[in-house]
Amino acid sequence: MIAHVVLFRPKPELSTDDRRRLSTRSSAPFATFRASARFASAIASPHGAGYEQSMPDTAEYLIVIDFDDVEGLQTYLPASRARRTGRTVL
């Protein structure tokens, strides 16, 4: 299994509505792509653990897509909107 992990922080000027749409936009290509085993997205949620203060503040969102093999990942990447979304929101 191959895990494609994306951590990102949107541009500060991105509106609240656009931030909400990030999850939908990120998962849209996945909905029609069948060579992957799992798609998950999450928003960072600090919970008061002691190690949080020592960690860099690098990402607000996390996306993980698990593929059965490297061929699935290689097929997905050109078909996804990842690059266009990245230029728009990051």
PDB file of N, CA and C in Angstrom:
ATOM      1  N   MET A   1       0.846  -1.173   0.000  1.00  0.00           N
ATOM      2  CA  MET A   1       0.000   0.000   0.000  1.00  0.00           C
ATOM      3  C   MET A   1       0.896   1.242   0.000  1.00  0.00           C
ATOM      4  N   ILE A   2       0.500   2.250  -0.756  1.00  0.00           N
ATOM      5  CA  ILE A   2       1.213   3.522  -0.851  1.00  0.00           C
ATOM      6  C   ILE A   2       0.302   4.607  -0.273  1.00  0.00           C
ATOM      7  N   ALA A   3       0.816   5.402   0.659  1.00  0.00           N
ATOM      8  CA  ALA A   3       0.034   6.505   1.227  1.00  0.00           C
ATOM      9  C   ALA A   3       0.529   7.823   0.643  1.00  0.00           C
ATOM     10  N   HIS A   4      -0.362   8.562   0.037  1.00  0.00           N
ATOM     11  CA  HIS A   4      -0.074   9.904  -0.486  1.00  0.00           C
ATOM     12  C   HIS A   4      -0.577  10.876   0.582  1.00  0.00           C
ATOM     13  N   VAL A   5       0.353  11.589   1.246  1.00  0.00           N
ATOM     14  CA  VAL A   5       0.009  12.464   2.359  1.00  0.00           C
ATOM     15  C   VAL A   5       0.246  13.912   1.949  1.00  0.00           C
ATOM     16  N   VAL A   6      -0.763  14.751   2.157  1.00  0.00           N
ATOM     17  CA  VAL A   6      -0.675  16.168   1.826  1.00  0.00           C
ATOM     18  C   VAL A   6      -1.002  16.962   3.080  1.00  0.00           C
ATOM     19  N   LEU A   7      -0.075  17.807   3.506  1.00  0.00           N
ATOM     20  CA  LEU A   7      -0.282  18.732   4.617  1.00  0.00           C
ATOM     21  C   LEU A   7      -0.240  20.138   4.036  1.00  0.00           C
ATOM     22  N   PHE A   8      -1.202  20.984   4.390  1.00  0.00           N
ATOM     23  CA  PHE A   8      -1.162  22.337   3.837  1.00  0.00           C
ATOM     24  C   PHE A   8      -1.895  23.330   4.714  1.00  0.00           C
ATOM     25  N   ARG A   9      -1.547  24.586   4.494  1.00  0.00           N
ATOM     26  CA  ARG A   9      -2.188  25.723   5.142  1.00  0.00           C
ATOM     27  C   ARG A   9      -2.654  26.645   4.025  1.00  0.00           C
ATOM     28  N   PRO A  10      -3.943  26.941   3.959  1.00  0.00           N
ATOM     29  CA  PRO A  10      -4.454  27.818   2.899  1.00  0.00           C
ATOM     30  C   PRO A  10      -3.928  29.242   3.031  1.00  0.00           C
ATOM     31  N   LYS A  11      -4.001  29.967   1.929  1.00  0.00           N
ATOM     32  CA  LYS A  11      -3.637  31.379   1.948  1.00  0.00           C
ATOM     33  C   LYS A  11      -4.478  32.100   2.992  1.00  0.00           C
ATOM     34  N   PRO A  12      -3.879  33.027   3.738  1.00  0.00           N
ATOM     35  CA  PRO A  12      -4.628  33.728   4.787  1.00  0.00           C
ATOM     36  C   PRO A  12      -5.839  34.496   4.262  1.00  0.00           C
ATOM     37  N   GLU A  13      -5.774  34.969   3.030  1.00  0.00           N
ATOM     38  CA  GLU A  13      -6.875  35.769   2.483  1.00  0.00           C
ATOM     39  C   GLU A  13      -8.040  34.924   1.966  1.00  0.00           C
ATOM     40  N   LEU A  14      -7.933  33.610   2.050  1.00  0.00           N
ATOM     41  CA  LEU A  14      -9.005  32.730   1.595  1.00  0.00           C
ATOM     42  C   LEU A  14     -10.224  32.894   2.507  1.00  0.00           C
ATOM     43  N   SER A  15     -11.390  33.042   1.907  1.00  0.00           N
ATOM     44  CA  SER A  15     -12.617  33.249   2.690  1.00  0.00           C
ATOM     45  C   SER A  15     -12.998  31.989   3.464  1.00  0.00           C
ATOM     46  N   THR A  16     -13.844  32.148   4.462  1.00  0.00           N
ATOM     47  CA  THR A  16     -14.329  31.023   5.250  1.00  0.00           C
ATOM     48  C   THR A  16     -15.056  30.012   4.369  1.00  0.00           C
ATOM     49  N   ASP A  17     -15.879  30.490   3.443  1.00  0.00           N
ATOM     50  CA  ASP A  17     -16.592  29.582   2.537  1.00  0.00           C
ATOM     51  C   ASP A  17     -15.617  28.793   1.666  1.00  0.00           C
ATOM     52  N   ASP A  18     -14.587  29.466   1.154  1.00  0.00           N
ATOM     53  CA  ASP A  18     -13.601  28.764   0.328  1.00  0.00           C
ATOM     54  C   ASP A  18     -12.844  27.720   1.147  1.00  0.00           C
ATOM     55  N   ARG A  19     -12.566  28.021   2.402  1.00  0.00           N
ATOM     56  CA  ARG A  19     -11.897  27.044   3.266  1.00  0.00           C
ATOM     57  C   ARG A  19     -12.780  25.809   3.457  1.00  0.00           C
ATOM     58  N   ARG A  20     -14.076  26.020   3.602  1.00  0.00           N
ATOM     59  CA  ARG A  20     -15.002  24.888   3.768  1.00  0.00           C
ATOM     60  C   ARG A  20     -15.058  24.027   2.515  1.00  0.00           C
ATOM     61  N   ARG A  21     -14.914  24.662   1.366  1.00  0.00           N
ATOM     62  CA  ARG A  21     -14.972  23.932   0.096  1.00  0.00           C
ATOM     63  C   ARG A  21     -13.705  23.112  -0.182  1.00  0.00           C
ATOM     64  N   LEU A  22     -12.650  23.366   0.567  1.00  0.00           N
ATOM     65  CA  LEU A  22     -11.392  22.650   0.330  1.00  0.00           C
ATOM     66  C   LEU A  22     -11.570  21.138   0.400  1.00  0.00           C
ATOM     67  N   SER A  23     -12.285  20.671   1.372  1.00  0.00           N
ATOM     68  CA  SER A  23     -12.464  19.231   1.521  1.00  0.00           C
ATOM     69  C   SER A  23     -13.196  18.641   0.321  1.00  0.00           C
ATOM     70  N   THR A  24     -14.250  19.303  -0.114  1.00  0.00           N
ATOM     71  CA  THR A  24     -15.013  18.828  -1.263  1.00  0.00           C
ATOM     72  C   THR A  24     -14.166  18.865  -2.523  1.00  0.00           C
ATOM     73  N   ARG A  25     -13.448  19.964  -2.718  1.00  0.00           N
ATOM     74  CA  ARG A  25     -12.609  20.104  -3.912  1.00  0.00           C
ATOM     75  C   ARG A  25     -11.509  19.056  -3.924  1.00  0.00           C
ATOM     76  N   SER A  26     -10.927  18.791  -2.759  1.00  0.00           N
ATOM     77  CA  SER A  26      -9.838  17.825  -2.682  1.00  0.00           C
ATOM     78  C   SER A  26     -10.315  16.407  -2.927  1.00  0.00           C
ATOM     79  N   SER A  27     -11.533  16.099  -2.491  1.00  0.00           N
ATOM     80  CA  SER A  27     -12.022  14.727  -2.623  1.00  0.00           C
ATOM     81  C   SER A  27     -12.732  14.477  -3.950  1.00  0.00           C
ATOM     82  N   ALA A  28     -13.044  15.512  -4.717  1.00  0.00           N
ATOM     83  CA  ALA A  28     -13.791  15.340  -5.971  1.00  0.00           C
ATOM     84  C   ALA A  28     -13.126  14.365  -6.941  1.00  0.00           C
ATOM     85  N   PRO A  29     -11.824  14.490  -7.230  1.00  0.00           N
ATOM     86  CA  PRO A  29     -11.219  13.529  -8.158  1.00  0.00           C
ATOM     87  C   PRO A  29     -11.257  12.110  -7.606  1.00  0.00           C
ATOM     88  N   PHE A  30     -11.157  11.982  -6.301  1.00  0.00           N
ATOM     89  CA  PHE A  30     -11.151  10.664  -5.670  1.00  0.00           C
ATOM     90  C   PHE A  30     -12.479   9.948  -5.878  1.00  0.00           C
ATOM     91  N   ALA A  31     -13.560  10.697  -5.903  1.00  0.00           N
ATOM     92  CA  ALA A  31     -14.900  10.098  -6.024  1.00  0.00           C
ATOM     93  C   ALA A  31     -15.055   9.295  -7.316  1.00  0.00           C
ATOM     94  N   THR A  32     -14.345   9.688  -8.361  1.00  0.00           N
ATOM     95  CA  THR A  32     -14.466   8.979  -9.636  1.00  0.00           C
ATOM     96  C   THR A  32     -13.267   8.077  -9.920  1.00  0.00           C
ATOM     97  N   PHE A  33     -12.321   8.034  -9.020  1.00  0.00           N
ATOM     98  CA  PHE A  33     -11.096   7.269  -9.209  1.00  0.00           C
ATOM     99  C   PHE A  33     -11.162   6.011  -8.357  1.00  0.00           C
ATOM    100  N   ARG A  34     -11.043   4.858  -8.957  1.00  0.00           N
ATOM    101  CA  ARG A  34     -11.272   3.602  -8.237  1.00  0.00           C
ATOM    102  C   ARG A  34     -10.006   2.830  -7.854  1.00  0.00           C
ATOM    103  N   ALA A  35      -8.819   3.331  -8.166  1.00  0.00           N
ATOM    104  CA  ALA A  35      -7.600   2.567  -7.876  1.00  0.00           C
ATOM    105  C   ALA A  35      -7.055   2.852  -6.477  1.00  0.00           C
ATOM    106  N   SER A  36      -7.847   3.450  -5.632  1.00  0.00           N
ATOM    107  CA  SER A  36      -7.364   3.731  -4.287  1.00  0.00           C
ATOM    108  C   SER A  36      -8.228   3.011  -3.263  1.00  0.00           C
ATOM    109  N   ALA A  37      -7.623   2.753  -2.139  1.00  0.00           N
ATOM    110  CA  ALA A  37      -8.318   2.012  -1.102  1.00  0.00           C
ATOM    111  C   ALA A  37      -9.053   2.933  -0.131  1.00  0.00           C
ATOM    112  N   ARG A  38      -8.534   4.165   0.078  1.00  0.00           N
ATOM    113  CA  ARG A  38      -9.127   5.001   1.113  1.00  0.00           C
ATOM    114  C   ARG A  38      -8.747   6.467   0.907  1.00  0.00           C
ATOM    115  N   PHE A  39      -9.665   7.358   1.228  1.00  0.00           N
ATOM    116  CA  PHE A  39      -9.432   8.799   1.221  1.00  0.00           C
ATOM    117  C   PHE A  39      -9.880   9.344   2.566  1.00  0.00           C
ATOM    118  N   ALA A  40      -9.041  10.160   3.195  1.00  0.00           N
ATOM    119  CA  ALA A  40      -9.426  10.799   4.456  1.00  0.00           C
ATOM    120  C   ALA A  40      -8.903  12.219   4.463  1.00  0.00           C
ATOM    121  N   SER A  41      -9.682  13.128   5.015  1.00  0.00           N
ATOM    122  CA  SER A  41      -9.219  14.502   5.186  1.00  0.00           C
ATOM    123  C   SER A  41      -9.587  14.957   6.584  1.00  0.00           C
ATOM    124  N   ALA A  42      -8.804  15.892   7.108  1.00  0.00           N
ATOM    125  CA  ALA A  42      -9.039  16.368   8.465  1.00  0.00           C
ATOM    126  C   ALA A  42      -8.511  17.796   8.609  1.00  0.00           C
ATOM    127  N   ILE A  43      -9.054  18.482   9.579  1.00  0.00           N
ATOM    128  CA  ILE A  43      -8.577  19.810   9.959  1.00  0.00           C
ATOM    129  C   ILE A  43      -7.833  19.635  11.268  1.00  0.00           C
ATOM    130  N   ALA A  44      -6.672  20.276  11.378  1.00  0.00           N
ATOM    131  CA  ALA A  44      -5.888  20.174  12.608  1.00  0.00           C
ATOM    132  C   ALA A  44      -6.704  20.691  13.784  1.00  0.00           C
ATOM    133  N   SER A  45      -6.610  19.990  14.880  1.00  0.00           N
ATOM    134  CA  SER A  45      -7.362  20.361  16.076  1.00  0.00           C
ATOM    135  C   SER A  45      -6.468  20.207  17.304  1.00  0.00           C
ATOM    136  N   PRO A  46      -5.791  21.293  17.692  1.00  0.00           N
ATOM    137  CA  PRO A  46      -4.941  21.199  18.884  1.00  0.00           C
ATOM    138  C   PRO A  46      -5.779  20.737  20.083  1.00  0.00           C
ATOM    139  N   HIS A  47      -5.186  19.879  20.904  1.00  0.00           N
ATOM    140  CA  HIS A  47      -5.940  19.303  22.014  1.00  0.00           C
ATOM    141  C   HIS A  47      -5.229  19.415  23.342  1.00  0.00           C
ATOM    142  N   GLY A  48      -4.172  20.236  23.409  1.00  0.00           N
ATOM    143  CA  GLY A  48      -3.522  20.513  24.679  1.00  0.00           C
ATOM    144  C   GLY A  48      -2.416  19.558  25.076  1.00  0.00           C
ATOM    145  N   ALA A  49      -1.991  18.698  24.178  1.00  0.00           N
ATOM    146  CA  ALA A  49      -0.890  17.784  24.502  1.00  0.00           C
ATOM    147  C   ALA A  49       0.396  18.585  24.671  1.00  0.00           C
ATOM    148  N   GLY A  50       1.243  18.157  25.575  1.00  0.00           N
ATOM    149  CA  GLY A  50       2.479  18.883  25.872  1.00  0.00           C
ATOM    150  C   GLY A  50       3.388  19.078  24.677  1.00  0.00           C
ATOM    151  N   TYR A  51       3.417  18.113  23.764  1.00  0.00           N
ATOM    152  CA  TYR A  51       4.326  18.211  22.616  1.00  0.00           C
ATOM    153  C   TYR A  51       3.884  19.254  21.597  1.00  0.00           C
ATOM    154  N   GLU A  52       2.635  19.686  21.654  1.00  0.00           N
ATOM    155  CA  GLU A  52       2.134  20.633  20.644  1.00  0.00           C
ATOM    156  C   GLU A  52       2.898  21.956  20.653  1.00  0.00           C
ATOM    157  N   GLN A  53       3.317  22.416  21.811  1.00  0.00           N
ATOM    158  CA  GLN A  53       4.037  23.684  21.876  1.00  0.00           C
ATOM    159  C   GLN A  53       5.399  23.626  21.197  1.00  0.00           C
ATOM    160  N   SER A  54       6.000  22.447  21.129  1.00  0.00           N
ATOM    161  CA  SER A  54       7.323  22.327  20.515  1.00  0.00           C
ATOM    162  C   SER A  54       7.268  22.017  19.029  1.00  0.00           C
ATOM    163  N   MET A  55       6.069  21.793  18.498  1.00  0.00           N
ATOM    164  CA  MET A  55       5.939  21.454  17.074  1.00  0.00           C
ATOM    165  C   MET A  55       5.795  22.717  16.234  1.00  0.00           C
ATOM    166  N   PRO A  56       6.364  22.717  15.018  1.00  0.00           N
ATOM    167  CA  PRO A  56       6.166  23.874  14.136  1.00  0.00           C
ATOM    168  C   PRO A  56       4.706  23.951  13.682  1.00  0.00           C
ATOM    169  N   ASP A  57       4.234  25.148  13.464  1.00  0.00           N
ATOM    170  CA  ASP A  57       2.865  25.365  13.004  1.00  0.00           C
ATOM    171  C   ASP A  57       2.873  25.316  11.477  1.00  0.00           C
ATOM    172  N   THR A  58       2.825  24.116  10.923  1.00  0.00           N
ATOM    173  CA  THR A  58       3.046  23.958   9.488  1.00  0.00           C
ATOM    174  C   THR A  58       1.807  23.662   8.663  1.00  0.00           C
ATOM    175  N   ALA A  59       0.786  23.085   9.255  1.00  0.00           N
ATOM    176  CA  ALA A  59      -0.357  22.674   8.444  1.00  0.00           C
ATOM    177  C   ALA A  59      -1.663  22.833   9.216  1.00  0.00           C
ATOM    178  N   GLU A  60      -2.672  23.188   8.469  1.00  0.00           N
ATOM    179  CA  GLU A  60      -4.015  23.291   9.030  1.00  0.00           C
ATOM    180  C   GLU A  60      -4.881  22.126   8.558  1.00  0.00           C
ATOM    181  N   TYR A  61      -4.575  21.610   7.376  1.00  0.00           N
ATOM    182  CA  TYR A  61      -5.345  20.523   6.771  1.00  0.00           C
ATOM    183  C   TYR A  61      -4.447  19.333   6.481  1.00  0.00           C
ATOM    184  N   LEU A  62      -5.045  18.152   6.518  1.00  0.00           N
ATOM    185  CA  LEU A  62      -4.359  16.914   6.197  1.00  0.00           C
ATOM    186  C   LEU A  62      -5.248  16.115   5.254  1.00  0.00           C
ATOM    187  N   ILE A  63      -4.634  15.597   4.202  1.00  0.00           N
ATOM    188  CA  ILE A  63      -5.327  14.674   3.297  1.00  0.00           C
ATOM    189  C   ILE A  63      -4.437  13.446   3.155  1.00  0.00           C
ATOM    190  N   VAL A  64      -5.036  12.269   3.294  1.00  0.00           N
ATOM    191  CA  VAL A  64      -4.310  11.013   3.106  1.00  0.00           C
ATOM    192  C   VAL A  64      -5.104  10.161   2.121  1.00  0.00           C
ATOM    193  N   ILE A  65      -4.435   9.733   1.068  1.00  0.00           N
ATOM    194  CA  ILE A  65      -5.050   8.833   0.100  1.00  0.00           C
ATOM    195  C   ILE A  65      -4.178   7.590   0.036  1.00  0.00           C
ATOM    196  N   ASP A  66      -4.772   6.451   0.345  1.00  0.00           N
ATOM    197  CA  ASP A  66      -4.057   5.180   0.282  1.00  0.00           C
ATOM    198  C   ASP A  66      -4.327   4.512  -1.065  1.00  0.00           C
ATOM    199  N   PHE A  67      -3.260   4.083  -1.712  1.00  0.00           N
ATOM    200  CA  PHE A  67      -3.352   3.387  -2.991  1.00  0.00           C
ATOM    201  C   PHE A  67      -2.868   1.961  -2.828  1.00  0.00           C
ATOM    202  N   ASP A  68      -3.422   1.076  -3.598  1.00  0.00           N
ATOM    203  CA  ASP A  68      -3.020  -0.328  -3.546  1.00  0.00           C
ATOM    204  C   ASP A  68      -1.588  -0.517  -4.032  1.00  0.00           C
ATOM    205  N   ASP A  69      -1.150   0.342  -4.968  1.00  0.00           N
ATOM    206  CA  ASP A  69       0.200   0.220  -5.508  1.00  0.00           C
ATOM    207  C   ASP A  69       0.636   1.559  -6.106  1.00  0.00           C
ATOM    208  N   VAL A  70       1.906   1.630  -6.487  1.00  0.00           N
ATOM    209  CA  VAL A  70       2.456   2.878  -7.027  1.00  0.00           C
ATOM    210  C   VAL A  70       1.800   3.248  -8.360  1.00  0.00           C
ATOM    211  N   GLU A  71       1.349   2.264  -9.107  1.00  0.00           N
ATOM    212  CA  GLU A  71       0.672   2.544 -10.374  1.00  0.00           C
ATOM    213  C   GLU A  71      -0.626   3.318 -10.133  1.00  0.00           C
ATOM    214  N   GLY A  72      -1.329   2.991  -9.074  1.00  0.00           N
ATOM    215  CA  GLY A  72      -2.548   3.725  -8.730  1.00  0.00           C
ATOM    216  C   GLY A  72      -2.254   5.184  -8.436  1.00  0.00           C
ATOM    217  N   LEU A  73      -1.195   5.442  -7.671  1.00  0.00           N
ATOM    218  CA  LEU A  73      -0.788   6.818  -7.373  1.00  0.00           C
ATOM    219  C   LEU A  73      -0.389   7.547  -8.647  1.00  0.00           C
ATOM    220  N   GLN A  74       0.388   6.905  -9.493  1.00  0.00           N
ATOM    221  CA  GLN A  74       0.842   7.536 -10.732  1.00  0.00           C
ATOM    222  C   GLN A  74      -0.314   7.830 -11.678  1.00  0.00           C
ATOM    223  N   THR A  75      -1.352   7.041 -11.625  1.00  0.00           N
ATOM    224  CA  THR A  75      -2.535   7.288 -12.444  1.00  0.00           C
ATOM    225  C   THR A  75      -3.362   8.429 -11.863  1.00  0.00           C
ATOM    226  N   TYR A  76      -3.455   8.487 -10.547  1.00  0.00           N
ATOM    227  CA  TYR A  76      -4.262   9.493  -9.862  1.00  0.00           C
ATOM    228  C   TYR A  76      -3.697  10.909 -10.019  1.00  0.00           C
ATOM    229  N   LEU A  77      -2.394  11.061  -9.809  1.00  0.00           N
ATOM    230  CA  LEU A  77      -1.813  12.409  -9.742  1.00  0.00           C
ATOM    231  C   LEU A  77      -2.096  13.276 -10.972  1.00  0.00           C
ATOM    232  N   PRO A  78      -1.860  12.807 -12.191  1.00  0.00           N
ATOM    233  CA  PRO A  78      -2.166  13.665 -13.346  1.00  0.00           C
ATOM    234  C   PRO A  78      -3.666  13.939 -13.503  1.00  0.00           C
ATOM    235  N   ALA A  79      -4.506  13.029 -13.023  1.00  0.00           N
ATOM    236  CA  ALA A  79      -5.953  13.184 -13.177  1.00  0.00           C
ATOM    237  C   ALA A  79      -6.554  14.078 -12.099  1.00  0.00           C
ATOM    238  N   SER A  80      -5.810  14.327 -11.027  1.00  0.00           N
ATOM    239  CA  SER A  80      -6.358  15.090  -9.903  1.00  0.00           C
ATOM    240  C   SER A  80      -6.262  16.590 -10.161  1.00  0.00           C
ATOM    241  N   ARG A  81      -6.968  17.310  -9.342  1.00  0.00           N
ATOM    242  CA  ARG A  81      -6.931  18.777  -9.392  1.00  0.00           C
ATOM    243  C   ARG A  81      -5.909  19.329  -8.414  1.00  0.00           C
ATOM    244  N   ALA A  82      -5.026  18.480  -7.916  1.00  0.00           N
ATOM    245  CA  ALA A  82      -4.119  18.869  -6.848  1.00  0.00           C
ATOM    246  C   ALA A  82      -3.266  20.084  -7.201  1.00  0.00           C
ATOM    247  N   ARG A  83      -2.682  20.096  -8.370  1.00  0.00           N
ATOM    248  CA  ARG A  83      -1.819  21.229  -8.724  1.00  0.00           C
ATOM    249  C   ARG A  83      -2.607  22.517  -8.863  1.00  0.00           C
ATOM    250  N   ARG A  84      -3.756  22.434  -9.528  1.00  0.00           N
ATOM    251  CA  ARG A  84      -4.580  23.642  -9.705  1.00  0.00           C
ATOM    252  C   ARG A  84      -5.109  24.128  -8.356  1.00  0.00           C
ATOM    253  N   THR A  85      -5.546  23.222  -7.521  1.00  0.00           N
ATOM    254  CA  THR A  85      -6.029  23.598  -6.185  1.00  0.00           C
ATOM    255  C   THR A  85      -4.898  24.206  -5.383  1.00  0.00           C
ATOM    256  N   GLY A  86      -3.727  23.615  -5.461  1.00  0.00           N
ATOM    257  CA  GLY A  86      -2.565  24.139  -4.735  1.00  0.00           C
ATOM    258  C   GLY A  86      -2.234  25.568  -5.128  1.00  0.00           C
ATOM    259  N   ARG A  87      -2.264  25.860  -6.395  1.00  0.00           N
ATOM    260  CA  ARG A  87      -1.969  27.235  -6.835  1.00  0.00           C
ATOM    261  C   ARG A  87      -3.052  28.218  -6.370  1.00  0.00           C
ATOM    262  N   THR A  88      -4.259  27.751  -6.219  1.00  0.00           N
ATOM    263  CA  THR A  88      -5.363  28.639  -5.856  1.00  0.00           C
ATOM    264  C   THR A  88      -5.417  28.930  -4.367  1.00  0.00           C
ATOM    265  N   VAL A  89      -5.150  27.951  -3.543  1.00  0.00           N
ATOM    266  CA  VAL A  89      -5.388  28.128  -2.115  1.00  0.00           C
ATOM    267  C   VAL A  89      -4.145  28.179  -1.252  1.00  0.00           C
ATOM    268  N   LEU A  90      -2.983  27.839  -1.788  1.00  0.00           N
ATOM    269  CA  LEU A  90      -1.781  27.810  -0.967  1.00  0.00           C
ATOM    270  C   LEU A  90      -0.873  28.974  -1.237  1.00  0.00           C
TER     271      LEU A  90
END
